[in-house]
Protein backbone atom coordinates (compact mmCIF):
# COMPACT_ATOMS: atom_id res chain seq x y z
CA UNK A 1 23.24 1.69 -5.97
CA UNK A 2 24.08 1.85 -2.23
CA UNK A 3 20.72 0.61 -1.03
CA UNK A 4 18.55 -1.85 -2.90
CA UNK A 5 15.41 -2.11 -0.78
CA UNK A 6 13.25 0.84 0.19
CA UNK A 7 10.11 1.08 2.31
CA UNK A 8 8.28 -1.41 0.10
CA UNK A 9 10.64 -3.61 -1.89
CA UNK A 10 12.96 -2.66 -4.75
CA UNK A 11 11.68 0.15 -6.92
CA UNK A 12 12.92 2.39 -9.73
CA UNK A 13 12.53 3.62 -13.30
CA UNK A 14 12.77 0.66 -15.67
CA UNK A 15 15.86 0.87 -17.86
CA UNK A 16 17.51 3.26 -15.42
CA UNK A 17 17.52 1.96 -11.84
CA UNK A 18 15.79 -1.34 -12.58
CA UNK A 19 16.45 -3.71 -15.48
CA UNK A 20 16.40 -7.36 -16.48
CA UNK A 21 19.87 -8.25 -15.21
CA UNK A 22 19.23 -6.80 -11.78
CA UNK A 23 15.81 -8.48 -11.63
CA UNK A 24 17.28 -11.85 -12.62
CA UNK A 25 20.00 -11.58 -9.98
CA UNK A 26 17.46 -10.58 -7.33
CA UNK A 27 15.68 -13.83 -8.19
CA UNK A 28 18.93 -15.76 -7.76
CA UNK A 29 19.73 -14.11 -4.43
CA UNK A 30 16.18 -14.69 -3.20
CA UNK A 31 16.55 -18.40 -3.94
CA UNK A 32 19.70 -18.52 -1.79
CA UNK A 33 18.23 -16.56 1.13
CA UNK A 34 14.76 -18.18 1.21
CA UNK A 35 15.88 -21.55 -0.09
CA UNK A 36 15.26 -23.82 -3.04
CA UNK A 37 11.64 -24.73 -3.58
CA UNK A 38 8.53 -23.45 -5.34
CA UNK A 39 7.82 -19.71 -5.63
CA UNK A 40 4.54 -17.95 -6.43
CA UNK A 41 4.73 -14.84 -8.60
CA UNK A 42 2.23 -12.20 -9.75
CA UNK A 43 2.33 -8.78 -11.39
CA UNK A 44 0.40 -5.60 -12.12
CA UNK A 45 -0.53 -4.18 -15.52
CA UNK A 46 2.55 -2.06 -16.35
CA UNK A 47 4.17 -2.44 -19.75
CA UNK A 48 7.40 -3.66 -18.11
CA UNK A 49 5.79 -6.10 -15.67
CA UNK A 50 5.88 -9.12 -18.01
CA UNK A 51 9.54 -8.48 -18.81
CA UNK A 52 10.63 -8.14 -15.18
CA UNK A 53 8.43 -11.07 -14.19
CA UNK A 54 10.24 -13.30 -16.68
CA UNK A 55 13.65 -11.99 -15.58
CA UNK A 56 13.00 -12.77 -11.90
CA UNK A 57 11.48 -16.15 -12.82
CA UNK A 58 14.58 -16.87 -14.93
CA UNK A 59 16.79 -16.14 -11.93
CA UNK A 60 14.74 -18.45 -9.72
CA UNK A 61 14.63 -21.25 -12.29
CA UNK A 62 18.39 -20.96 -12.86
CA UNK A 63 18.86 -21.85 -9.19
CA UNK A 64 16.69 -24.94 -9.50
CA UNK A 65 13.47 -23.38 -8.19
CA UNK A 66 10.02 -23.86 -9.70
CA UNK A 67 7.77 -20.86 -10.37
CA UNK A 68 3.97 -20.70 -10.27
CA UNK A 69 2.54 -17.81 -12.32
CA UNK A 70 -0.63 -16.30 -10.79
CA UNK A 71 -0.85 -13.69 -13.56
CA UNK A 72 -2.15 -10.16 -12.96
CA UNK A 73 -3.24 -9.99 -9.33
CA UNK A 74 -3.37 -7.45 -6.48
CA UNK A 75 -0.43 -7.68 -4.08
CA UNK A 76 -2.64 -8.80 -1.15
CA UNK A 77 -4.02 -11.54 -3.40
CA UNK A 78 -0.51 -12.94 -3.77
CA UNK A 79 -0.06 -12.80 0.00
CA UNK A 80 -3.32 -14.72 0.51
CA UNK A 81 -2.50 -17.41 -2.06
CA UNK A 82 0.90 -18.04 -0.46
CA UNK A 83 -0.95 -19.40 2.58
CA UNK A 84 -2.97 -21.94 0.60
CA UNK A 85 -0.04 -24.05 -0.54
CA UNK A 86 3.51 -24.70 0.57
CA UNK A 87 5.81 -22.15 -1.08
CA UNK A 88 9.36 -21.05 -0.28
CA UNK A 89 8.29 -17.48 -1.03
CA UNK A 90 6.43 -15.12 -3.33
CA UNK A 91 7.37 -12.20 -5.57
CA UNK A 92 5.15 -9.38 -6.78
CA UNK A 93 6.18 -7.22 -9.75
CA UNK A 94 4.65 -3.80 -9.11
CA UNK A 95 5.51 -0.21 -8.29
CA UNK A 96 2.21 0.30 -6.50
CA UNK A 97 1.04 3.94 -6.87
CA UNK A 98 3.96 5.14 -9.03
CA UNK A 99 3.60 6.08 -12.75
CA UNK A 100 3.94 3.41 -15.44
CA UNK A 101 7.64 4.01 -16.16
CA UNK A 102 8.47 2.82 -12.63
CA UNK A 103 8.31 -0.77 -11.52
CA UNK A 104 9.26 -2.76 -8.46
CA UNK A 105 9.94 -6.14 -6.92
CA UNK A 106 8.22 -7.03 -3.64
CA UNK A 107 9.37 -10.22 -1.93
CA UNK A 108 7.31 -12.29 0.50
CA UNK A 109 8.20 -15.29 2.63
CA UNK A 110 6.29 -18.57 2.46
CA UNK A 111 3.75 -17.30 5.02
CA UNK A 112 2.73 -14.31 2.92
CA UNK A 113 4.71 -11.85 5.06
CA UNK A 114 6.90 -9.16 3.57
CA UNK A 115 10.58 -9.88 4.12
CA UNK A 116 12.22 -8.65 7.30
CA UNK A 117 14.96 -6.03 7.04
CA UNK A 118 17.51 -8.73 7.94
CA UNK A 119 16.46 -10.90 4.99
CA UNK A 120 16.50 -7.91 2.66
CA UNK A 121 20.02 -7.07 3.86
CA UNK A 122 21.12 -10.64 3.15
CA UNK A 123 19.87 -10.35 -0.43
CA UNK A 124 21.61 -6.98 -0.84
CA UNK A 125 24.93 -8.31 0.45
CA UNK A 126 24.83 -11.30 -1.88
CA UNK A 127 23.98 -9.09 -4.84
CA UNK A 128 26.56 -6.37 -4.22
CA UNK A 129 29.30 -8.92 -3.59
CA UNK A 130 28.26 -10.93 -6.68
CA UNK A 131 27.93 -14.07 -4.55
CA UNK A 132 24.69 -15.28 -6.04
CA UNK A 133 25.81 -17.67 -8.78
CA UNK A 134 26.34 -21.34 -8.15
CA UNK A 135 26.24 -24.48 -10.24
CA UNK A 136 22.89 -26.23 -10.35
CA UNK A 137 21.85 -29.76 -11.03
CA UNK A 138 18.72 -28.88 -12.96
CA UNK A 139 16.63 -25.92 -14.01
CA UNK A 140 13.32 -25.17 -12.38
CA UNK A 141 10.06 -25.01 -14.31
CA UNK A 142 7.34 -22.36 -14.69
CA UNK A 143 3.64 -23.20 -14.43
CA UNK A 144 0.39 -21.26 -14.80
CA UNK A 145 -1.90 -21.02 -11.74
CA UNK A 146 -5.49 -21.07 -12.97
CA UNK A 147 -8.39 -19.27 -11.26
CA UNK A 148 -6.09 -17.18 -9.00
CA UNK A 149 -8.23 -14.06 -9.43
CA UNK A 150 -11.52 -15.85 -8.79
CA UNK A 151 -10.12 -17.74 -5.79
CA UNK A 152 -8.99 -14.46 -4.26
CA UNK A 153 -12.37 -12.80 -4.98
CA UNK A 154 -14.26 -15.67 -3.31
CA UNK A 155 -11.93 -15.50 -0.32
CA UNK A 156 -12.66 -11.80 0.15
CA UNK A 157 -16.39 -12.35 -0.25
CA UNK A 158 -16.27 -15.01 2.48
CA UNK A 159 -15.06 -12.31 4.91
CA UNK A 160 -18.12 -10.12 4.33
CA UNK A 161 -20.64 -10.44 7.18
CA UNK A 162 -23.11 -7.72 6.15
CA UNK A 163 -25.51 -7.37 3.22
CA UNK A 164 -24.26 -4.42 1.15
CA UNK A 165 -26.41 -5.06 -1.92
CA UNK A 166 -28.52 -1.92 -1.40
CA UNK A 167 -25.54 0.36 -2.02
CA UNK A 168 -24.77 1.92 -5.40
CA UNK A 169 -21.10 2.73 -5.79
CA UNK A 170 -18.35 3.70 -8.23
CA UNK A 171 -15.06 1.78 -8.27
CA UNK A 172 -11.88 3.25 -9.79
CA UNK A 173 -9.37 0.44 -10.44
CA UNK A 174 -6.53 2.81 -11.52
CA UNK A 175 -6.13 0.69 -14.68
CA UNK A 176 -4.18 -1.64 -12.44
CA UNK A 177 -4.14 -5.07 -10.86
CA UNK A 178 -7.71 -4.80 -9.50
CA UNK A 179 -9.22 -4.25 -12.96
CA UNK A 180 -10.49 -7.83 -13.29
CA UNK A 181 -10.72 -8.96 -9.67
CA UNK A 182 -12.89 -6.03 -8.58
CA UNK A 183 -15.67 -6.90 -11.02
CA UNK A 184 -15.60 -10.53 -9.85
CA UNK A 185 -15.81 -9.48 -6.20
CA UNK A 186 -18.55 -6.86 -6.50
CA UNK A 187 -20.65 -9.12 -8.70
CA UNK A 188 -20.68 -11.52 -5.75
CA UNK A 189 -21.77 -8.80 -3.30
CA UNK A 190 -24.77 -7.70 -5.34
CA UNK A 191 -23.77 -4.02 -5.14
CA UNK A 192 -24.87 -1.86 -8.02
CA UNK A 193 -21.38 -1.01 -9.19
CA UNK A 194 -20.09 1.45 -11.77
CA UNK A 195 -16.51 0.63 -12.83
CA UNK A 196 -14.16 3.27 -14.19
CA UNK A 197 -10.49 3.10 -15.23
CA UNK A 198 -10.57 -0.67 -15.66
CA UNK A 199 -8.95 -0.85 -19.11
CA UNK A 200 -5.17 -1.17 -18.63
CA UNK A 201 -2.97 -0.64 -21.69
CA UNK A 202 0.43 -0.88 -19.97
CA UNK A 203 0.94 2.87 -19.70
CA UNK A 204 -2.27 4.21 -18.16
CA UNK A 205 -1.84 2.68 -14.69
CA UNK A 206 -2.30 5.41 -12.02
CA UNK A 207 -2.57 7.98 -14.82
CA UNK A 208 -4.93 10.72 -13.55
CA UNK A 209 -6.95 8.07 -11.78
CA UNK A 210 -6.95 5.78 -8.76
CA UNK A 211 -6.04 6.77 -5.23
CA UNK A 212 -3.40 9.29 -6.37
CA UNK A 213 -5.90 11.37 -8.39
CA UNK A 214 -9.54 11.06 -7.33
CA UNK A 215 -10.89 14.10 -9.17
CA UNK A 216 -12.66 12.14 -11.91
CA UNK A 217 -14.04 9.61 -9.45
CA UNK A 218 -15.42 12.43 -7.29
CA UNK A 219 -17.12 14.02 -10.28
CA UNK A 220 -18.56 10.68 -11.41
CA UNK A 221 -20.05 10.01 -7.95
CA UNK A 222 -21.68 13.45 -7.80
CA UNK A 223 -23.06 13.35 -11.33
CA UNK A 224 -24.56 9.88 -10.91
CA UNK A 225 -25.86 10.45 -7.36
CA UNK A 226 -24.05 7.42 -5.94
CA UNK A 227 -23.54 6.42 -2.30
CA UNK A 228 -19.75 6.62 -2.50
CA UNK A 229 -16.68 6.13 -4.65
CA UNK A 230 -13.81 3.71 -4.09
CA UNK A 231 -10.28 4.25 -5.45
CA UNK A 232 -7.50 1.66 -5.55
CA UNK A 233 -3.87 2.13 -6.51
CA UNK A 234 -1.92 0.17 -9.12
CA UNK A 235 -1.51 -3.02 -7.10
CA UNK A 236 -4.66 -2.54 -4.98
CA UNK A 237 -3.05 -2.68 -1.56
CA UNK A 238 -4.42 0.84 -0.97
CA UNK A 239 -7.99 2.05 -0.86
CA UNK A 240 -9.49 5.52 -0.45
CA UNK A 241 -13.13 6.65 -0.60
CA UNK A 242 -15.20 9.63 -1.61
CA UNK A 243 -18.48 10.35 0.11
CA UNK A 244 -21.71 10.88 -1.83
CA UNK A 245 -20.74 14.55 -2.34
CA UNK A 246 -17.39 13.63 -3.87
CA UNK A 247 -15.31 14.61 -0.84
CA UNK A 248 -12.11 12.60 -0.34
CA UNK A 249 -12.10 10.18 2.60
CA UNK A 250 -8.50 9.52 3.66
CA UNK A 251 -6.99 6.41 5.18
CA UNK A 252 -7.02 8.10 8.58
CA UNK A 253 -10.77 8.73 8.35
CA UNK A 254 -11.33 5.14 7.20
CA UNK A 255 -9.44 3.93 10.28
CA UNK A 256 -11.43 6.23 12.54
CA UNK A 257 -14.75 4.91 11.18
CA UNK A 258 -13.67 1.28 11.37
CA UNK A 259 -12.18 1.70 14.85
CA UNK A 260 -15.45 3.17 16.13
CA UNK A 261 -17.44 0.40 14.47
CA UNK A 262 -15.25 -2.42 15.79
CA UNK A 263 -15.16 -0.93 19.29
CA UNK A 264 -18.96 -0.59 19.36
CA UNK A 265 -19.25 -4.30 18.60
CA UNK A 266 -16.57 -5.33 21.11
CA UNK A 267 -14.23 -6.44 18.32
CA UNK A 268 -11.36 -3.91 18.64
CA UNK A 269 -8.55 -5.77 20.37
CA UNK A 270 -6.83 -3.92 23.18
CA UNK A 271 -8.95 -0.83 22.49
CA UNK A 272 -6.10 0.45 20.33
CA UNK A 273 -5.15 1.03 16.72
CA UNK A 274 -1.78 1.54 15.02
CA UNK A 275 -1.10 4.54 12.77
CA UNK A 276 2.08 6.14 11.45
CA UNK A 277 3.84 9.40 12.23
CA UNK A 278 2.25 10.78 9.02
CA UNK A 279 -1.29 10.37 10.33
CA UNK A 280 -3.65 13.31 10.79
CA UNK A 281 -3.60 14.39 14.47
CA UNK A 282 -7.39 14.47 14.18
CA UNK A 283 -7.36 10.65 14.16
CA UNK A 284 -5.77 10.54 17.62
CA UNK A 285 -8.08 13.29 18.87
CA UNK A 286 -11.17 11.43 17.68
CA UNK A 287 -10.13 7.99 18.91
CA UNK A 288 -8.97 9.18 22.31
CA UNK A 289 -12.43 10.74 22.78
CA UNK A 290 -13.83 7.23 22.37
CA UNK A 291 -11.35 5.68 24.77
CA UNK A 292 -9.31 4.19 21.92
CA UNK A 293 -5.53 4.52 22.07
CA UNK A 294 -3.61 5.43 18.91
CA UNK A 295 -0.01 4.22 18.79
CA UNK A 296 2.29 5.70 16.15
CA UNK A 297 5.04 3.89 14.24
CA UNK A 298 7.34 4.67 11.32
CA UNK A 299 5.96 4.96 7.78
CA UNK A 300 5.32 1.77 5.81
CA UNK A 301 2.65 -0.90 6.10
CA UNK A 302 5.34 -3.41 7.09
CA UNK A 303 6.09 -1.26 10.15
CA UNK A 304 2.37 -1.00 10.89
CA UNK A 305 2.04 -4.78 10.60
CA UNK A 306 5.01 -5.43 12.91
CA UNK A 307 3.70 -2.98 15.52
CA UNK A 308 0.26 -4.59 15.37
CA UNK A 309 1.80 -7.98 16.06
CA UNK A 310 3.83 -6.63 18.98
CA UNK A 311 0.85 -4.88 20.60
CA UNK A 312 -1.88 -7.36 19.68
CA UNK A 313 -3.86 -4.71 17.79
CA UNK A 314 -6.14 -5.87 14.99
CA UNK A 315 -6.54 -2.56 13.13
CA UNK A 316 -3.87 -0.27 11.73
CA UNK A 317 -2.89 1.63 8.65
CA UNK A 318 -1.69 4.74 6.87
CA UNK A 319 -3.23 7.96 5.63
CA UNK A 320 -2.45 6.83 2.07
CA UNK A 321 -4.99 4.00 2.36
CA UNK A 322 -2.92 0.99 3.43
CA UNK A 323 -5.37 -0.39 6.00
CA UNK A 324 -4.67 -3.66 7.81
CA UNK A 325 -7.46 -5.72 9.34
CA UNK A 326 -5.25 -8.01 11.39
CA UNK A 327 -7.83 -10.73 11.95
CA UNK A 328 -8.23 -11.16 8.19
CA UNK A 329 -4.96 -10.16 6.50
CA UNK A 330 -1.31 -9.52 7.28
CA UNK A 331 -0.88 -6.39 5.14
CA UNK A 332 -2.84 -3.61 3.52
CA UNK A 333 -5.58 -4.92 1.22
CA UNK A 334 -7.56 -2.35 -0.74
CA UNK A 335 -10.38 -4.68 -1.77
CA UNK A 336 -10.83 -5.95 1.77
CA UNK A 337 -10.83 -2.38 3.09
CA UNK A 338 -13.56 -1.45 0.62
CA UNK A 339 -15.75 -4.30 1.87
CA UNK A 340 -15.24 -3.36 5.52
CA UNK A 341 -16.12 0.28 4.87
CA UNK A 342 -19.20 -0.61 2.83
CA UNK A 343 -20.26 -2.89 5.69
CA UNK A 344 -20.07 0.05 8.12
CA UNK A 345 -22.21 2.14 5.77
CA UNK A 346 -24.77 -0.65 5.35
CA UNK A 347 -25.07 -1.24 9.11
CA UNK A 348 -25.40 2.46 9.98
CA UNK A 349 -27.77 3.24 7.09
CA UNK A 350 -26.43 6.80 6.93
CA UNK A 351 -24.74 8.77 4.14
CA UNK A 352 -20.97 8.59 4.36
CA UNK A 353 -20.74 12.37 4.77
CA UNK A 354 -22.78 12.09 7.98
CA UNK A 355 -20.73 9.17 9.28
CA UNK A 356 -17.51 11.20 9.07
CA UNK A 357 -19.00 14.53 10.15
CA UNK A 358 -17.68 14.45 13.73
CA UNK A 359 -14.15 13.33 12.89
CA UNK A 360 -11.77 16.31 13.28
CA UNK A 361 -9.49 17.01 10.34
CA UNK A 362 -6.36 19.08 10.49
CA UNK A 363 -5.12 21.14 7.55
CA UNK A 364 -2.27 19.13 6.03
CA UNK A 365 0.27 20.53 3.59
CA UNK A 366 2.61 18.14 1.79
CA UNK A 367 5.68 18.89 -0.31
CA UNK A 368 8.03 16.61 -2.26
CA UNK A 369 11.57 17.75 -3.07
CA UNK A 370 13.42 15.72 -5.69
CA UNK A 371 16.93 14.51 -4.79
CA UNK A 372 19.57 12.32 -6.43
CA UNK A 373 21.23 10.84 -3.33
CA UNK A 374 18.76 9.55 -0.74
CA UNK A 375 21.27 7.79 1.49
CA UNK A 376 23.73 10.67 1.87
CA UNK A 377 21.19 13.17 3.24
CA UNK A 378 19.27 11.11 5.79
CA UNK A 379 21.05 12.50 8.86
CA UNK A 380 20.56 16.10 7.76
CA UNK A 381 16.89 15.49 6.99
CA UNK A 382 16.46 13.98 10.45
CA UNK A 383 17.94 17.14 12.00
CA UNK A 384 15.41 19.28 10.10
CA UNK A 385 12.60 16.97 11.21
CA UNK A 386 13.64 17.21 14.89
CA UNK A 387 13.86 20.99 14.67
CA UNK A 388 10.42 21.30 13.06
CA UNK A 389 8.83 18.96 15.61
CA UNK A 390 10.28 20.99 18.48
CA UNK A 391 9.14 24.30 16.98
CA UNK A 392 5.57 23.11 16.42
CA UNK A 393 5.18 21.68 19.90
CA UNK A 394 1.52 20.93 20.61
CA UNK A 395 0.27 23.08 17.71
CA UNK A 396 0.28 20.15 15.30
CA UNK A 397 2.56 17.62 13.64
CA UNK A 398 5.46 17.95 11.20
CA UNK A 399 7.19 15.04 9.50
CA UNK A 400 10.24 15.44 7.28
CA UNK A 401 11.71 12.25 5.85
CA UNK A 402 13.49 10.69 2.92
CA UNK A 403 11.02 8.66 0.87
CA UNK A 404 11.48 4.92 0.85
CA UNK A 405 9.89 4.50 -2.60
CA UNK A 406 10.95 7.56 -4.61
CA UNK A 407 14.03 9.81 -4.90
CA UNK A 408 12.62 12.68 -2.89
CA UNK A 409 12.30 14.27 0.53
CA UNK A 410 8.73 14.34 1.82
CA UNK A 411 7.42 17.17 3.99
CA UNK A 412 4.09 16.94 5.79
CA UNK A 413 2.71 19.59 8.15
CA UNK A 414 -0.64 19.23 9.92
CA UNK A 415 -2.20 21.99 12.06
CA UNK A 416 -5.68 23.36 12.62
CA UNK A 417 -4.85 26.52 10.66
CA UNK A 418 -4.33 26.22 6.88
CA UNK A 419 -2.21 29.37 6.60
CA UNK A 420 -0.03 28.29 9.51
CA UNK A 421 0.49 24.87 7.92
CA UNK A 422 1.53 26.51 4.63
CA UNK A 423 3.92 28.91 6.35
CA UNK A 424 5.51 26.14 8.39
CA UNK A 425 5.95 23.96 5.29
CA UNK A 426 7.54 26.94 3.50
CA UNK A 427 10.10 27.37 6.29
CA UNK A 428 10.95 23.66 6.31
CA UNK A 429 11.32 23.57 2.53
CA UNK A 430 13.65 26.57 2.63
CA UNK A 431 15.93 24.86 5.16
CA UNK A 432 16.10 21.73 3.05
CA UNK A 433 16.83 23.56 -0.19
CA UNK A 434 19.56 25.47 1.63
CA UNK A 435 21.54 22.36 2.59
CA UNK A 436 20.90 20.77 -0.81
CA UNK A 437 22.75 23.60 -2.59
């Protein structure tokens, strides 16, 4: 393995790219880089999450660190709890939106921030050079953190400033980390809530449900005449919506609605938001019409978060549903995003389909091409991306990149013409398959 960390932590198929020995040694290296002390850990509902959790905890304890176990918890819940007590760092066992056979290790510092690239590189160097073992005076201990889910739910509820109890909604928990917390949170809000896909069995996480497949949620909303549907991913750092007609509401549209709402109340800092190069050009078109600037950064909610800090923006996110409300959280939080969107709906007292009616949407075509060597093709993929961007000009947006979470090349083409988007994506895919031969 030439590169350990991707866009969002370490990720791979369990038993193939990711196993107990690697997980244990990541724990050891983390203890060296972030220092001896107490670490907070949590996990999602995958079959392998307990195993990898114990392996990482074993590595930490072997270096003399103590481990607090917060149990099954959304990733943003771990980030929040890290701020409540003094920890050296935190580790989340999750592969987010990926299928059950994948898993991952996300590392946070003691302030609930995802590790910087420099810190990740330090861990990689220690691991690859096998310089992580050292004698220890004593082993660390592992302890259970009680009420972590309820504490997180109450924290989120405290951020809600609008009565949303008149809404009737469906919530799809993707059989993941939000399965218990979501019911605690929405019970507090008074919303009439229908929960689906909240029965994890270790293998059904993200399986034809959640933010990666909203077809059943859309149908449920239509059939039950609900105000909207909410879909989380496996670790609930993402959130997408459907309107009352079952139409998908992307992360870009969520940002557009929230930007307009915050700006109208004088709460949008700097009159700007941060999006990524994968965003729908319609987001920029809509926001610029309101006098709101959209600044683009590289893919990944860590990049969004860093750019928000540099610019002073308090709203940013990704099309996939990682939305960051900078005054309330440091990273994407699906449950928080759901509350903020429901607040907009409650204040406007309009159907969601009407609220999004005037937001322009480009026709986006996406393709994923499987590869075995991500590192060795990055320069060539960048050349294809630059060529495609130049060819499109002002007709739309094309992004070609190597995925940071899966072994594939991602192609995304957005234009106002569906056929043109398809044709452009076809040409790009042909070029890539040519150099992959």
